[in-house]
All heavy atoms as atom14 arrays in JSON, in Angstrom:
{
  "sequence": "SFEYDGLGDNYARFLLDELLPDVETRKTTDGRAIRLSKNGND",
  "atom14_mask": [
    [1, 1, 1, 1, 1, 1, 0, 0, 0, 0, 0, 0, 0, 0],
    [1, 1, 1, 1, 1, 1, 1, 1, 1, 1, 1, 0, 0, 0],
    [1, 1, 1, 1, 1, 1, 1, 1, 1, 0, 0, 0, 0, 0],
    [1, 1, 1, 1, 1, 1, 1, 1, 1, 1, 1, 1, 0, 0],
    [1, 1, 1, 1, 1, 1, 1, 1, 0, 0, 0, 0, 0, 0],
    [1, 1, 1, 1, 0, 0, 0, 0, 0, 0, 0, 0, 0, 0],
    [1, 1, 1, 1, 1, 1, 1, 1, 0, 0, 0, 0, 0, 0],
    [1, 1, 1, 1, 0, 0, 0, 0, 0, 0, 0, 0, 0, 0],
    [1, 1, 1, 1, 1, 1, 1, 1, 0, 0, 0, 0, 0, 0],
    [1, 1, 1, 1, 1, 1, 1, 1, 0, 0, 0, 0, 0, 0],
    [1, 1, 1, 1, 1, 1, 1, 1, 1, 1, 1, 1, 0, 0],
    [1, 1, 1, 1, 1, 0, 0, 0, 0, 0, 0, 0, 0, 0],
    [1, 1, 1, 1, 1, 1, 1, 1, 1, 1, 1, 0, 0, 0],
    [1, 1, 1, 1, 1, 1, 1, 1, 1, 1, 1, 0, 0, 0],
    [1, 1, 1, 1, 1, 1, 1, 1, 0, 0, 0, 0, 0, 0],
    [1, 1, 1, 1, 1, 1, 1, 1, 0, 0, 0, 0, 0, 0],
    [1, 1, 1, 1, 1, 1, 1, 1, 0, 0, 0, 0, 0, 0],
    [1, 1, 1, 1, 1, 1, 1, 1, 1, 0, 0, 0, 0, 0],
    [1, 1, 1, 1, 1, 1, 1, 1, 0, 0, 0, 0, 0, 0],
    [1, 1, 1, 1, 1, 1, 1, 1, 0, 0, 0, 0, 0, 0],
    [1, 1, 1, 1, 1, 1, 1, 0, 0, 0, 0, 0, 0, 0],
    [1, 1, 1, 1, 1, 1, 1, 1, 0, 0, 0, 0, 0, 0],
    [1, 1, 1, 1, 1, 1, 1, 0, 0, 0, 0, 0, 0, 0],
    [1, 1, 1, 1, 1, 1, 1, 1, 1, 0, 0, 0, 0, 0],
    [1, 1, 1, 1, 1, 1, 1, 0, 0, 0, 0, 0, 0, 0],
    [1, 1, 1, 1, 1, 1, 1, 1, 1, 1, 1, 0, 0, 0],
    [1, 1, 1, 1, 1, 1, 1, 1, 1, 0, 0, 0, 0, 0],
    [1, 1, 1, 1, 1, 1, 1, 0, 0, 0, 0, 0, 0, 0],
    [1, 1, 1, 1, 1, 1, 1, 0, 0, 0, 0, 0, 0, 0],
    [1, 1, 1, 1, 1, 1, 1, 1, 0, 0, 0, 0, 0, 0],
    [1, 1, 1, 1, 0, 0, 0, 0, 0, 0, 0, 0, 0, 0],
    [1, 1, 1, 1, 1, 1, 1, 1, 1, 1, 1, 0, 0, 0],
    [1, 1, 1, 1, 1, 0, 0, 0, 0, 0, 0, 0, 0, 0],
    [1, 1, 1, 1, 1, 1, 1, 1, 0, 0, 0, 0, 0, 0],
    [1, 1, 1, 1, 1, 1, 1, 1, 1, 1, 1, 0, 0, 0],
    [1, 1, 1, 1, 1, 1, 1, 1, 0, 0, 0, 0, 0, 0],
    [1, 1, 1, 1, 1, 1, 0, 0, 0, 0, 0, 0, 0, 0],
    [1, 1, 1, 1, 1, 1, 1, 1, 1, 0, 0, 0, 0, 0],
    [1, 1, 1, 1, 1, 1, 1, 1, 0, 0, 0, 0, 0, 0],
    [1, 1, 1, 1, 0, 0, 0, 0, 0, 0, 0, 0, 0, 0],
    [1, 1, 1, 1, 1, 1, 1, 1, 0, 0, 0, 0, 0, 0],
    [1, 1, 1, 1, 1, 1, 1, 1, 0, 0, 0, 0, 0, 0]
  ],
  "atom14_positions": [
    [[172.12, -129.96, 105.52], [172.98, -129.44, 106.58], [174.42, -129.97, 106.54], [175.33, -129.21, 106.66], [172.36, -129.76, 107.97], [173.14, -129.23, 108.98], [0.0, 0.0, 0.0], [0.0, 0.0, 0.0], [0.0, 0.0, 0.0], [0.0, 0.0, 0.0], [0.0, 0.0, 0.0], [0.0, 0.0, 0.0], [0.0, 0.0, 0.0], [0.0, 0.0, 0.0]],
    [[174.54, -131.16, 106.16], [175.93, -131.72, 106.0], [176.73, -131.07, 104.99], [177.94, -130.73, 105.21], [175.83, -133.24, 105.63], [177.15, -133.87, 105.47], [178.04, -134.06, 106.48], [177.56, -134.31, 104.19], [179.29, -134.66, 106.29], [178.77, -134.84, 103.97], [179.65, -135.14, 105.03], [0.0, 0.0, 0.0], [0.0, 0.0, 0.0], [0.0, 0.0, 0.0]],
    [[176.12, -130.7, 103.83], [176.79, -130.0, 102.77], [176.9, -128.51, 102.99], [178.0, -127.97, 102.6], [176.09, -130.21, 101.47], [176.02, -131.73, 100.95], [175.27, -131.82, 99.67], [174.92, -130.75, 99.04], [175.03, -133.04, 99.28], [0.0, 0.0, 0.0], [0.0, 0.0, 0.0], [0.0, 0.0, 0.0], [0.0, 0.0, 0.0], [0.0, 0.0, 0.0]],
    [[175.99, -127.94, 103.61], [175.95, -126.52, 103.72], [176.54, -125.93, 104.99], [177.24, -124.84, 105.05], [174.54, -126.02, 103.53], [173.87, -126.11, 102.19], [174.56, -126.71, 101.18], [172.64, -125.55, 101.97], [173.97, -126.8, 99.95], [171.97, -125.71, 100.71], [172.69, -126.29, 99.76], [172.09, -126.35, 98.49], [0.0, 0.0, 0.0], [0.0, 0.0, 0.0]],
    [[176.28, -126.57, 106.13], [176.57, -125.91, 107.46], [177.97, -126.11, 107.95], [178.4, -125.37, 108.86], [175.55, -126.33, 108.56], [174.08, -125.73, 108.27], [174.04, -124.68, 107.84], [173.25, -126.71, 108.43], [0.0, 0.0, 0.0], [0.0, 0.0, 0.0], [0.0, 0.0, 0.0], [0.0, 0.0, 0.0], [0.0, 0.0, 0.0], [0.0, 0.0, 0.0]],
    [[178.67, -127.08, 107.46], [180.04, -127.32, 108.04], [181.12, -126.47, 107.29], [180.8, -125.92, 106.21], [0.0, 0.0, 0.0], [0.0, 0.0, 0.0], [0.0, 0.0, 0.0], [0.0, 0.0, 0.0], [0.0, 0.0, 0.0], [0.0, 0.0, 0.0], [0.0, 0.0, 0.0], [0.0, 0.0, 0.0], [0.0, 0.0, 0.0], [0.0, 0.0, 0.0]],
    [[182.25, -126.34, 108.03], [183.33, -125.71, 107.45], [184.17, -126.74, 106.62], [183.87, -127.83, 106.49], [184.25, -125.09, 108.59], [183.52, -124.21, 109.55], [184.45, -123.6, 110.54], [182.71, -123.11, 108.74], [0.0, 0.0, 0.0], [0.0, 0.0, 0.0], [0.0, 0.0, 0.0], [0.0, 0.0, 0.0], [0.0, 0.0, 0.0], [0.0, 0.0, 0.0]],
    [[185.24, -126.27, 105.96], [186.06, -127.13, 105.1], [185.75, -126.94, 103.69], [184.85, -126.17, 103.27], [0.0, 0.0, 0.0], [0.0, 0.0, 0.0], [0.0, 0.0, 0.0], [0.0, 0.0, 0.0], [0.0, 0.0, 0.0], [0.0, 0.0, 0.0], [0.0, 0.0, 0.0], [0.0, 0.0, 0.0], [0.0, 0.0, 0.0], [0.0, 0.0, 0.0]],
    [[186.49, -127.64, 102.81], [186.46, -127.39, 101.33], [185.69, -128.43, 100.49], [185.7, -128.41, 99.34], [187.92, -127.29, 100.84], [188.64, -128.66, 100.83], [188.15, -129.66, 101.61], [189.69, -128.81, 100.3], [0.0, 0.0, 0.0], [0.0, 0.0, 0.0], [0.0, 0.0, 0.0], [0.0, 0.0, 0.0], [0.0, 0.0, 0.0], [0.0, 0.0, 0.0]],
    [[184.9, -129.32, 101.28], [184.21, -130.4, 100.52], [183.29, -129.79, 99.54], [183.23, -130.27, 98.34], [183.43, -131.24, 101.49], [184.41, -132.31, 102.2], [185.47, -132.54, 101.75], [183.83, -132.93, 103.34], [0.0, 0.0, 0.0], [0.0, 0.0, 0.0], [0.0, 0.0, 0.0], [0.0, 0.0, 0.0], [0.0, 0.0, 0.0], [0.0, 0.0, 0.0]],
    [[182.47, -128.83, 99.95], [181.4, -128.3, 98.99], [182.09, -127.53, 97.87], [181.63, -127.64, 96.7], [180.42, -127.44, 99.76], [179.22, -127.11, 98.86], [178.23, -128.11, 98.72], [179.06, -125.93, 98.15], [177.05, -127.91, 97.97], [178.0, -125.65, 97.41], [177.0, -126.67, 97.24], [175.87, -126.36, 96.41], [0.0, 0.0, 0.0], [0.0, 0.0, 0.0]],
    [[183.14, -126.85, 98.18], [183.81, -126.15, 97.09], [184.43, -127.04, 96.08], [184.31, -126.96, 94.89], [184.95, -125.26, 97.74], [0.0, 0.0, 0.0], [0.0, 0.0, 0.0], [0.0, 0.0, 0.0], [0.0, 0.0, 0.0], [0.0, 0.0, 0.0], [0.0, 0.0, 0.0], [0.0, 0.0, 0.0], [0.0, 0.0, 0.0], [0.0, 0.0, 0.0]],
    [[184.99, -128.19, 96.55], [185.5, -129.21, 95.71], [184.38, -129.8, 94.88], [184.55, -130.15, 93.74], [186.29, -130.19, 96.44], [187.57, -129.73, 97.04], [188.46, -130.84, 97.66], [187.82, -131.6, 98.61], [187.44, -132.84, 98.49], [187.54, -133.56, 97.4], [186.89, -133.54, 99.61], [0.0, 0.0, 0.0], [0.0, 0.0, 0.0], [0.0, 0.0, 0.0]],
    [[183.28, -130.08, 95.48], [182.14, -130.64, 94.78], [181.78, -129.75, 93.61], [181.49, -130.18, 92.45], [180.98, -130.78, 95.78], [179.6, -130.94, 94.99], [179.23, -132.11, 94.36], [178.71, -129.85, 95.06], [178.03, -132.27, 93.68], [177.54, -129.98, 94.43], [177.15, -131.16, 93.77], [0.0, 0.0, 0.0], [0.0, 0.0, 0.0], [0.0, 0.0, 0.0]],
    [[181.67, -128.43, 93.84], [181.31, -127.53, 92.7], [182.4, -127.51, 91.69], [182.1, -127.62, 90.5], [181.15, -126.13, 93.38], [179.97, -125.83, 94.26], [180.01, -124.45, 94.72], [178.58, -126.08, 93.51], [0.0, 0.0, 0.0], [0.0, 0.0, 0.0], [0.0, 0.0, 0.0], [0.0, 0.0, 0.0], [0.0, 0.0, 0.0], [0.0, 0.0, 0.0]],
    [[183.62, -127.33, 92.09], [184.69, -127.19, 91.14], [185.09, -128.44, 90.35], [185.42, -128.38, 89.16], [185.85, -126.6, 91.83], [185.76, -125.25, 92.43], [186.91, -124.81, 93.33], [185.45, -124.22, 91.39], [0.0, 0.0, 0.0], [0.0, 0.0, 0.0], [0.0, 0.0, 0.0], [0.0, 0.0, 0.0], [0.0, 0.0, 0.0], [0.0, 0.0, 0.0]],
    [[185.09, -129.59, 91.12], [185.58, -130.76, 90.46], [184.47, -131.64, 89.82], [184.77, -132.51, 89.05], [186.34, -131.58, 91.51], [187.58, -130.87, 92.06], [188.08, -129.91, 91.35], [188.1, -131.31, 93.16], [0.0, 0.0, 0.0], [0.0, 0.0, 0.0], [0.0, 0.0, 0.0], [0.0, 0.0, 0.0], [0.0, 0.0, 0.0], [0.0, 0.0, 0.0]],
    [[183.23, -131.45, 90.27], [182.12, -132.31, 89.82], [180.97, -131.55, 89.13], [180.65, -131.85, 87.97], [181.65, -133.1, 91.05], [182.68, -133.92, 91.68], [182.19, -134.88, 92.81], [181.08, -134.56, 93.41], [182.82, -135.9, 93.05], [0.0, 0.0, 0.0], [0.0, 0.0, 0.0], [0.0, 0.0, 0.0], [0.0, 0.0, 0.0], [0.0, 0.0, 0.0]],
    [[180.4, -130.67, 89.8], [179.2, -130.05, 89.28], [179.44, -129.13, 88.09], [178.85, -129.26, 86.99], [178.36, -129.25, 90.29], [177.02, -128.83, 89.84], [176.14, -129.95, 89.69], [176.45, -127.79, 90.75], [0.0, 0.0, 0.0], [0.0, 0.0, 0.0], [0.0, 0.0, 0.0], [0.0, 0.0, 0.0], [0.0, 0.0, 0.0], [0.0, 0.0, 0.0]],
    [[180.42, -128.16, 88.21], [180.62, -127.24, 87.03], [181.09, -128.0, 85.93], [180.7, -127.61, 84.69], [181.58, -126.06, 87.48], [180.94, -125.22, 88.58], [181.94, -124.09, 88.9], [179.64, -124.59, 88.16], [0.0, 0.0, 0.0], [0.0, 0.0, 0.0], [0.0, 0.0, 0.0], [0.0, 0.0, 0.0], [0.0, 0.0, 0.0], [0.0, 0.0, 0.0]],
    [[181.97, -128.99, 86.02], [182.35, -129.82, 84.88], [181.12, -130.36, 84.21], [181.02, -130.53, 82.89], [183.39, -130.8, 85.35], [184.09, -130.16, 86.45], [182.91, -129.32, 87.1], [0.0, 0.0, 0.0], [0.0, 0.0, 0.0], [0.0, 0.0, 0.0], [0.0, 0.0, 0.0], [0.0, 0.0, 0.0], [0.0, 0.0, 0.0], [0.0, 0.0, 0.0]],
    [[180.19, -130.86, 84.94], [178.92, -131.45, 84.44], [178.15, -130.33, 83.68], [177.58, -130.59, 82.55], [178.09, -132.05, 85.51], [176.98, -132.84, 84.96], [177.21, -133.91, 84.47], [175.8, -132.41, 85.08], [0.0, 0.0, 0.0], [0.0, 0.0, 0.0], [0.0, 0.0, 0.0], [0.0, 0.0, 0.0], [0.0, 0.0, 0.0], [0.0, 0.0, 0.0]],
    [[178.11, -129.19, 84.15], [177.41, -128.05, 83.55], [178.01, -127.81, 82.16], [177.23, -127.59, 81.19], [177.43, -126.79, 84.35], [176.94, -125.58, 83.56], [176.75, -126.91, 85.67], [0.0, 0.0, 0.0], [0.0, 0.0, 0.0], [0.0, 0.0, 0.0], [0.0, 0.0, 0.0], [0.0, 0.0, 0.0], [0.0, 0.0, 0.0], [0.0, 0.0, 0.0]],
    [[179.33, -127.91, 82.06], [180.0, -127.64, 80.74], [179.84, -128.8, 79.72], [180.21, -128.63, 78.56], [181.44, -127.36, 80.99], [181.69, -125.96, 81.68], [183.03, -125.55, 81.56], [183.97, -126.18, 82.15], [183.34, -124.46, 81.02], [0.0, 0.0, 0.0], [0.0, 0.0, 0.0], [0.0, 0.0, 0.0], [0.0, 0.0, 0.0], [0.0, 0.0, 0.0]],
    [[179.18, -129.85, 80.11], [178.85, -130.86, 79.2], [177.5, -130.58, 78.51], [177.12, -131.27, 77.56], [178.8, -132.27, 79.78], [177.69, -132.39, 80.67], [180.1, -132.56, 80.56], [0.0, 0.0, 0.0], [0.0, 0.0, 0.0], [0.0, 0.0, 0.0], [0.0, 0.0, 0.0], [0.0, 0.0, 0.0], [0.0, 0.0, 0.0], [0.0, 0.0, 0.0]],
    [[176.79, -129.58, 78.96], [175.4, -129.31, 78.48], [175.45, -128.28, 77.39], [176.39, -127.58, 77.17], [174.56, -128.81, 79.63], [174.61, -129.68, 80.96], [174.05, -131.02, 80.81], [174.07, -131.73, 82.08], [173.5, -132.92, 82.25], [172.87, -133.54, 81.28], [173.45, -133.49, 83.48], [0.0, 0.0, 0.0], [0.0, 0.0, 0.0], [0.0, 0.0, 0.0]],
    [[174.23, -128.29, 76.74], [174.12, -127.26, 75.68], [172.67, -126.58, 75.82], [171.84, -127.08, 76.37], [174.19, -127.85, 74.21], [175.6, -128.38, 73.94], [175.61, -128.87, 72.51], [177.02, -129.38, 72.14], [177.14, -129.83, 70.7], [0.0, 0.0, 0.0], [0.0, 0.0, 0.0], [0.0, 0.0, 0.0], [0.0, 0.0, 0.0], [0.0, 0.0, 0.0]],
    [[172.56, -125.41, 75.35], [171.33, -124.68, 75.27], [170.41, -125.36, 74.28], [170.91, -126.17, 73.46], [171.54, -123.2, 74.93], [172.09, -123.16, 73.61], [172.39, -122.56, 75.99], [0.0, 0.0, 0.0], [0.0, 0.0, 0.0], [0.0, 0.0, 0.0], [0.0, 0.0, 0.0], [0.0, 0.0, 0.0], [0.0, 0.0, 0.0], [0.0, 0.0, 0.0]],
    [[169.2, -125.0, 74.25], [168.19, -125.58, 73.3], [168.56, -125.22, 71.81], [168.13, -125.97, 70.97], [166.79, -125.16, 73.61], [166.63, -123.82, 73.61], [166.31, -125.71, 74.95], [0.0, 0.0, 0.0], [0.0, 0.0, 0.0], [0.0, 0.0, 0.0], [0.0, 0.0, 0.0], [0.0, 0.0, 0.0], [0.0, 0.0, 0.0], [0.0, 0.0, 0.0]],
    [[169.27, -124.09, 71.56], [169.67, -123.76, 70.31], [171.0, -124.25, 69.9], [171.73, -123.9, 68.94], [169.55, -122.17, 70.07], [170.5, -121.51, 70.97], [171.23, -122.06, 71.73], [170.36, -120.19, 70.98], [0.0, 0.0, 0.0], [0.0, 0.0, 0.0], [0.0, 0.0, 0.0], [0.0, 0.0, 0.0], [0.0, 0.0, 0.0], [0.0, 0.0, 0.0]],
    [[171.64, -125.09, 70.81], [172.9, -125.84, 70.58], [174.18, -125.11, 70.96], [175.25, -125.64, 70.7], [0.0, 0.0, 0.0], [0.0, 0.0, 0.0], [0.0, 0.0, 0.0], [0.0, 0.0, 0.0], [0.0, 0.0, 0.0], [0.0, 0.0, 0.0], [0.0, 0.0, 0.0], [0.0, 0.0, 0.0], [0.0, 0.0, 0.0], [0.0, 0.0, 0.0]],
    [[174.09, -124.06, 71.73], [175.3, -123.48, 72.14], [175.92, -124.17, 73.23], [175.24, -124.51, 74.27], [174.97, -122.01, 72.71], [174.6, -121.01, 71.59], [174.28, -119.65, 72.16], [173.0, -119.79, 72.96], [172.39, -118.84, 73.65], [173.12, -117.77, 74.0], [171.27, -119.04, 74.31], [0.0, 0.0, 0.0], [0.0, 0.0, 0.0], [0.0, 0.0, 0.0]],
    [[177.17, -124.46, 73.14], [178.01, -125.14, 74.22], [178.08, -124.16, 75.43], [178.18, -122.99, 75.26], [179.33, -125.59, 73.69], [0.0, 0.0, 0.0], [0.0, 0.0, 0.0], [0.0, 0.0, 0.0], [0.0, 0.0, 0.0], [0.0, 0.0, 0.0], [0.0, 0.0, 0.0], [0.0, 0.0, 0.0], [0.0, 0.0, 0.0], [0.0, 0.0, 0.0]],
    [[178.02, -124.73, 76.61], [178.14, -123.86, 77.84], [179.58, -123.92, 78.24], [180.14, -124.99, 78.61], [177.28, -124.38, 78.91], [175.75, -124.28, 78.54], [177.55, -123.66, 80.27], [174.75, -124.76, 79.54], [0.0, 0.0, 0.0], [0.0, 0.0, 0.0], [0.0, 0.0, 0.0], [0.0, 0.0, 0.0], [0.0, 0.0, 0.0], [0.0, 0.0, 0.0]],
    [[180.17, -122.74, 78.29], [181.57, -122.56, 78.71], [181.67, -121.58, 79.84], [181.1, -120.44, 79.7], [182.46, -122.02, 77.56], [182.51, -123.08, 76.36], [183.47, -122.54, 75.26], [184.82, -122.37, 75.77], [185.64, -121.38, 75.31], [185.2, -120.57, 74.39], [186.85, -121.37, 75.71], [0.0, 0.0, 0.0], [0.0, 0.0, 0.0], [0.0, 0.0, 0.0]],
    [[182.23, -121.94, 80.95], [182.27, -121.1, 82.12], [183.75, -120.67, 82.42], [184.69, -121.34, 82.27], [181.83, -122.01, 83.32], [180.51, -122.69, 83.25], [180.2, -123.56, 84.42], [179.36, -121.6, 83.04], [0.0, 0.0, 0.0], [0.0, 0.0, 0.0], [0.0, 0.0, 0.0], [0.0, 0.0, 0.0], [0.0, 0.0, 0.0], [0.0, 0.0, 0.0]],
    [[183.88, -119.38, 82.84], [185.16, -118.87, 83.17], [185.73, -119.6, 84.38], [185.08, -120.01, 85.27], [185.13, -117.39, 83.47], [186.3, -116.91, 83.99], [0.0, 0.0, 0.0], [0.0, 0.0, 0.0], [0.0, 0.0, 0.0], [0.0, 0.0, 0.0], [0.0, 0.0, 0.0], [0.0, 0.0, 0.0], [0.0, 0.0, 0.0], [0.0, 0.0, 0.0]],
    [[187.08, -119.91, 84.34], [187.81, -120.52, 85.5], [188.38, -119.47, 86.38], [189.01, -119.88, 87.38], [188.76, -121.52, 84.93], [188.3, -122.49, 83.97], [187.22, -123.46, 84.57], [186.93, -124.62, 83.65], [186.28, -124.21, 82.37], [0.0, 0.0, 0.0], [0.0, 0.0, 0.0], [0.0, 0.0, 0.0], [0.0, 0.0, 0.0], [0.0, 0.0, 0.0]],
    [[188.25, -118.24, 85.99], [188.9, -117.1, 86.84], [188.05, -116.83, 88.04], [186.81, -116.47, 87.88], [189.07, -115.93, 85.94], [189.82, -114.84, 86.62], [189.86, -114.67, 87.84], [190.44, -113.98, 85.83], [0.0, 0.0, 0.0], [0.0, 0.0, 0.0], [0.0, 0.0, 0.0], [0.0, 0.0, 0.0], [0.0, 0.0, 0.0], [0.0, 0.0, 0.0]],
    [[188.58, -116.88, 89.21], [187.76, -116.66, 90.44], [187.18, -115.2, 90.42], [186.15, -114.93, 91.05], [0.0, 0.0, 0.0], [0.0, 0.0, 0.0], [0.0, 0.0, 0.0], [0.0, 0.0, 0.0], [0.0, 0.0, 0.0], [0.0, 0.0, 0.0], [0.0, 0.0, 0.0], [0.0, 0.0, 0.0], [0.0, 0.0, 0.0], [0.0, 0.0, 0.0]],
    [[187.84, -114.29, 89.74], [187.3, -112.89, 89.73], [186.04, -112.86, 88.9], [185.22, -111.87, 88.99], [188.34, -111.92, 89.05], [187.95, -110.47, 89.22], [187.68, -110.03, 90.34], [187.98, -109.75, 88.13], [0.0, 0.0, 0.0], [0.0, 0.0, 0.0], [0.0, 0.0, 0.0], [0.0, 0.0, 0.0], [0.0, 0.0, 0.0], [0.0, 0.0, 0.0]],
    [[185.82, -113.85, 88.11], [184.54, -113.87, 87.22], [183.53, -114.8, 87.85], [182.51, -115.11, 87.21], [184.88, -114.49, 85.87], [185.88, -113.69, 85.08], [186.09, -112.47, 85.41], [186.53, -114.21, 84.13], [0.0, 0.0, 0.0], [0.0, 0.0, 0.0], [0.0, 0.0, 0.0], [0.0, 0.0, 0.0], [0.0, 0.0, 0.0], [0.0, 0.0, 0.0]]
  ]
}
């Protein structure tokens, strides 16, 4: 509830500054690097 139900940009910052950068450190089982678009339209 703390993360989801409140207003403000905390959760957006968590995704953009912390979680998605962590995702991009990962690789698929066949070794492909994970690269995510930074464009909001994507």
